[in-house]
Amino acid sequence: MKLLNRRWLSRSFAGAASVLLLAMFSSAAFAGVIYQYRQDGSPAVIGTLEVASPPASASIGWSTAASSDLIALFLDNAVFGLGAANLLSVGGTLPPEIQSLDGTKLDGGGFGINFPTIFPVDPTDPTIHQSLSISLNPFSGGDFIRVATIYIFPDGQVAIADLFMDGNWVAQVPEPGTLMLLGIGLLAIVLFRTGSATDGPNGSPRHAR
C-alpha cells in the first residue's frame, strides 16, 4: 500500500511539475524585455518600456517598426504628469522605429503618442492637447523624452508648456520568476519521491511491510 502511495505521489508531482514548466516556457515566448529609463546623472528609475520578445532581446541586437511590439509604457506621474496607467493604452501611438545594437539598451529611432483632447468642464478654462515624443540615441544621456502641452483658451490665446528630459533606456536585469522557482521546487520533490520509492537492493522498488 505504501509503495502504491509513493507511486501515486510521484505521478501527481510529476504531472503538476509538467504543467507548471509547460506554462513557464509557453509564457516565455510572449514575455517582453523591460527597459528602464533614468534621467542623465540620476540612479532613479522614472520610466519603463516593455517590448515584445521577439523581436526584443536583452542579449542580442534587434529592431522593430511595429506598434504591436510595444507592450507597455509607464512614466513616473510625479515627473511627467501623464498619469499612472499604461500610456500605450491611453493615447494613439505613432509608428515606432526602435533599434538596439546589442540588446542591453535602446540605441536608435523613437516613437510618439498623441493623447485624447481634454475638454474643460468650466467654459472659461482652456482645452488641453498633449503629446509625448521619445527619441533614442546611442550616446550617453542621448535618449530624449519630450512632453508637449498646448492650452487653447476660449478667447483664442494659446500657451505651450514643454518638458524635456535627457537620459538612458537600459534593459532591466532579469530576476528568477515565481513560476520558475515553483517548477524547480516541484521537480526536486519528484526526484526525491522517485528515489525513495526505488531505493531497494540494486535500485529495485522497496516493498511495503
Protein backbone atom coordinates (compact mmCIF):
# COMPACT_ATOMS: atom_id res chain seq x y z
CA MET A 1 0.00 0.00 0.00
CA LYS A 2 2.85 2.38 0.86
CA LEU A 3 4.51 1.60 -2.46
CA LEU A 4 1.31 2.39 -4.33
CA ASN A 5 1.02 5.67 -2.44
CA ARG A 6 4.61 6.57 -3.34
CA ARG A 7 3.99 5.81 -7.00
CA TRP A 8 0.78 7.84 -6.98
CA LEU A 9 2.52 10.78 -5.32
CA SER A 10 5.37 10.59 -7.82
CA ARG A 11 2.95 10.66 -10.73
CA SER A 12 0.97 13.52 -9.15
CA PHE A 13 4.02 15.68 -8.52
CA ALA A 14 5.40 14.88 -11.97
CA GLY A 15 2.11 15.93 -13.54
CA ALA A 16 1.98 19.17 -11.55
CA ALA A 17 5.60 19.97 -12.37
CA SER A 18 4.98 19.31 -16.05
CA VAL A 19 2.01 21.69 -16.11
CA LEU A 20 3.97 24.44 -14.37
CA LEU A 21 7.04 24.02 -16.55
CA LEU A 22 4.90 23.97 -19.68
CA ALA A 23 3.18 27.17 -18.59
CA MET A 24 6.54 28.72 -17.79
CA PHE A 25 8.07 28.02 -21.20
CA SER A 26 4.84 28.92 -23.03
CA SER A 27 4.65 32.32 -21.34
CA ALA A 28 8.35 32.93 -22.05
CA ALA A 29 7.57 33.14 -25.76
CA PHE A 30 5.26 36.12 -25.12
CA ALA A 31 7.32 37.78 -22.40
CA GLY A 32 8.74 41.22 -23.06
CA VAL A 33 12.11 42.82 -22.43
CA ILE A 34 11.74 45.72 -19.99
CA TYR A 35 13.88 48.81 -20.47
CA GLN A 36 14.21 51.25 -17.57
CA TYR A 37 14.62 54.99 -18.05
CA ARG A 38 16.91 57.03 -15.84
CA GLN A 39 17.46 60.75 -16.16
CA ASP A 40 21.05 61.60 -17.07
CA GLY A 41 23.12 61.66 -13.86
CA SER A 42 20.42 60.07 -11.67
CA PRO A 43 20.04 56.44 -10.48
CA ALA A 44 16.26 56.73 -10.04
CA VAL A 45 14.05 54.79 -12.48
CA ILE A 46 11.37 57.17 -13.77
CA GLY A 47 10.06 55.13 -16.68
CA THR A 48 9.74 51.60 -18.08
CA LEU A 49 9.14 50.42 -21.64
CA GLU A 50 8.28 46.77 -22.32
CA VAL A 51 8.85 45.41 -25.83
CA ALA A 52 7.60 42.02 -27.01
CA SER A 53 10.12 39.19 -27.26
CA PRO A 54 10.64 38.52 -30.12
CA PRO A 55 11.76 40.87 -31.56
CA ALA A 56 13.28 42.33 -28.40
CA SER A 57 16.18 40.62 -26.67
CA ALA A 58 18.33 41.73 -23.74
CA SER A 59 21.42 39.99 -25.13
CA ILE A 60 21.47 40.45 -28.94
CA GLY A 61 20.66 43.28 -31.33
CA TRP A 62 17.13 43.78 -32.63
CA SER A 63 14.85 46.36 -34.23
CA THR A 64 11.13 46.91 -34.79
CA ALA A 65 8.79 49.18 -36.72
CA ALA A 66 5.54 47.59 -35.48
CA SER A 67 3.39 49.36 -32.90
CA SER A 68 2.08 45.96 -31.73
CA ASP A 69 5.58 45.07 -30.48
CA LEU A 70 5.32 47.80 -27.85
CA ILE A 71 3.55 46.25 -24.86
CA ALA A 72 3.60 48.83 -22.08
CA LEU A 73 5.00 52.27 -21.28
CA PHE A 74 4.89 53.73 -17.79
CA LEU A 75 6.34 57.12 -16.87
CA ASP A 76 6.56 58.49 -13.33
CA ASN A 77 3.46 60.65 -12.96
CA ALA A 78 5.18 62.89 -10.40
CA VAL A 79 7.77 63.78 -13.06
CA PHE A 80 5.83 63.74 -16.34
CA GLY A 81 2.23 64.37 -15.22
CA LEU A 82 0.71 61.89 -17.70
CA GLY A 83 -0.96 59.57 -15.19
CA ALA A 84 -0.04 56.18 -13.79
CA ALA A 85 -1.66 53.98 -16.48
CA ASN A 86 -0.02 52.23 -19.40
CA LEU A 87 0.40 55.20 -21.75
CA LEU A 88 0.26 52.98 -24.83
CA SER A 89 -3.34 52.15 -23.94
CA VAL A 90 -4.30 55.76 -23.23
CA GLY A 91 -3.14 57.54 -26.38
CA GLY A 92 -2.62 56.86 -30.07
CA THR A 93 0.88 55.52 -30.75
CA LEU A 94 2.72 56.81 -33.80
CA PRO A 95 4.64 54.14 -35.77
CA PRO A 96 7.87 53.29 -33.90
CA GLU A 97 11.35 52.87 -35.30
CA ILE A 98 13.36 51.32 -32.48
CA GLN A 99 16.79 49.75 -32.65
CA SER A 100 19.08 48.14 -30.09
CA LEU A 101 22.62 47.29 -31.18
CA ASP A 102 23.29 44.67 -28.50
CA GLY A 103 20.00 44.36 -26.60
CA THR A 104 21.29 45.95 -23.39
CA LYS A 105 19.99 49.44 -24.20
CA LEU A 106 17.93 51.32 -26.78
CA ASP A 107 20.19 52.96 -29.36
CA GLY A 108 18.23 54.48 -32.23
CA GLY A 109 14.88 55.63 -33.58
CA GLY A 110 11.90 56.62 -31.48
CA PHE A 111 8.11 56.90 -31.35
CA GLY A 112 5.38 59.24 -30.17
CA ILE A 113 1.95 59.27 -28.54
CA ASN A 114 -0.92 61.71 -29.09
CA PHE A 115 -3.29 61.80 -26.12
CA PRO A 116 -7.04 62.44 -26.21
CA THR A 117 -8.03 66.10 -26.06
CA ILE A 118 -9.05 67.28 -22.58
CA PHE A 119 -12.14 69.49 -22.82
CA PRO A 120 -12.85 71.92 -19.99
CA VAL A 121 -15.68 71.46 -17.54
CA ASP A 122 -15.69 75.19 -16.88
CA PRO A 123 -16.16 77.08 -20.19
CA THR A 124 -13.61 79.67 -19.07
CA ASP A 125 -10.86 77.03 -18.79
CA PRO A 126 -8.65 76.06 -21.73
CA THR A 127 -8.84 73.00 -23.95
CA ILE A 128 -5.70 70.88 -23.46
CA HIS A 129 -3.77 68.92 -26.09
CA GLN A 130 -0.86 66.71 -25.01
CA SER A 131 1.71 64.69 -26.90
CA LEU A 132 4.73 62.62 -25.96
CA SER A 133 7.80 62.04 -28.13
CA ILE A 134 10.67 59.65 -27.35
CA SER A 135 13.92 59.81 -29.32
CA LEU A 136 16.73 57.28 -28.93
CA ASN A 137 20.44 57.89 -29.35
CA PRO A 138 23.42 55.58 -28.65
CA PHE A 139 25.35 58.30 -26.81
CA SER A 140 25.22 58.53 -23.00
CA GLY A 141 22.28 60.67 -21.92
CA GLY A 142 21.08 60.87 -25.52
CA ASP A 143 17.68 59.21 -25.02
CA PHE A 144 15.32 62.16 -25.12
CA ILE A 145 11.76 62.48 -23.78
CA ARG A 146 9.56 65.48 -24.53
CA VAL A 147 6.05 66.15 -23.22
CA ALA A 148 4.28 68.97 -25.06
CA THR A 149 1.16 70.50 -23.53
CA ILE A 150 -0.86 73.06 -25.51
CA TYR A 151 -3.53 75.18 -23.78
CA ILE A 152 -6.12 76.80 -26.05
CA PHE A 153 -8.23 79.38 -24.19
CA PRO A 154 -11.78 80.40 -25.15
CA ASP A 155 -10.56 83.81 -26.36
CA GLY A 156 -8.16 82.16 -28.80
CA GLN A 157 -4.97 82.63 -26.82
CA VAL A 158 -2.51 79.71 -26.89
CA ALA A 159 0.03 78.72 -24.24
CA ILE A 160 2.61 75.97 -24.68
CA ALA A 161 4.37 74.11 -21.87
CA ASP A 162 7.19 71.71 -22.73
CA LEU A 163 9.02 69.24 -20.53
CA PHE A 164 12.41 67.99 -21.76
CA MET A 165 14.33 65.09 -20.26
CA ASP A 166 17.68 63.56 -21.26
CA GLY A 167 18.53 60.07 -20.03
CA ASN A 168 19.11 56.43 -20.92
CA TRP A 169 16.90 53.39 -21.63
CA VAL A 170 18.73 50.30 -20.26
CA ALA A 171 17.49 46.70 -20.09
CA GLN A 172 16.26 45.59 -16.67
CA VAL A 173 18.39 42.90 -15.01
CA PRO A 174 16.21 39.75 -15.09
CA GLU A 175 15.18 38.07 -11.82
CA PRO A 176 14.04 34.45 -11.31
CA GLY A 177 10.29 34.30 -11.83
CA THR A 178 7.99 32.87 -9.19
CA LEU A 179 6.70 30.29 -11.66
CA MET A 180 10.24 29.10 -12.39
CA LEU A 181 11.04 28.76 -8.68
CA LEU A 182 7.87 26.73 -8.12
CA GLY A 183 8.72 24.49 -11.06
CA ILE A 184 12.24 23.85 -9.75
CA GLY A 185 10.86 23.05 -6.28
CA LEU A 186 8.30 20.59 -7.59
CA LEU A 187 10.88 18.94 -9.83
CA ALA A 188 13.13 18.42 -6.79
CA ILE A 189 10.24 16.82 -4.89
CA VAL A 190 9.55 14.50 -7.84
CA LEU A 191 13.17 13.35 -7.91
CA PHE A 192 13.19 12.82 -4.14
CA ARG A 193 9.93 10.83 -4.19
CA THR A 194 11.08 8.72 -7.12
CA GLY A 195 14.35 7.93 -5.39
CA SER A 196 12.57 6.97 -2.17
CA ALA A 197 10.25 4.58 -3.99
CA THR A 198 13.13 2.74 -5.71
CA ASP A 199 15.81 2.58 -3.03
CA GLY A 200 15.68 -1.19 -2.58
CA PRO A 201 18.61 -3.51 -3.47
CA ASN A 202 20.03 -2.78 -6.94
CA GLY A 203 17.54 0.06 -7.34
CA SER A 204 14.52 -2.28 -7.20
CA PRO A 205 11.24 -1.00 -5.76
CA ARG A 206 11.07 -1.17 -1.99
CA HIS A 207 8.06 -3.25 -0.94
CA ALA A 208 5.82 -2.31 1.93
CA ARG A 209 5.96 -4.45 5.05
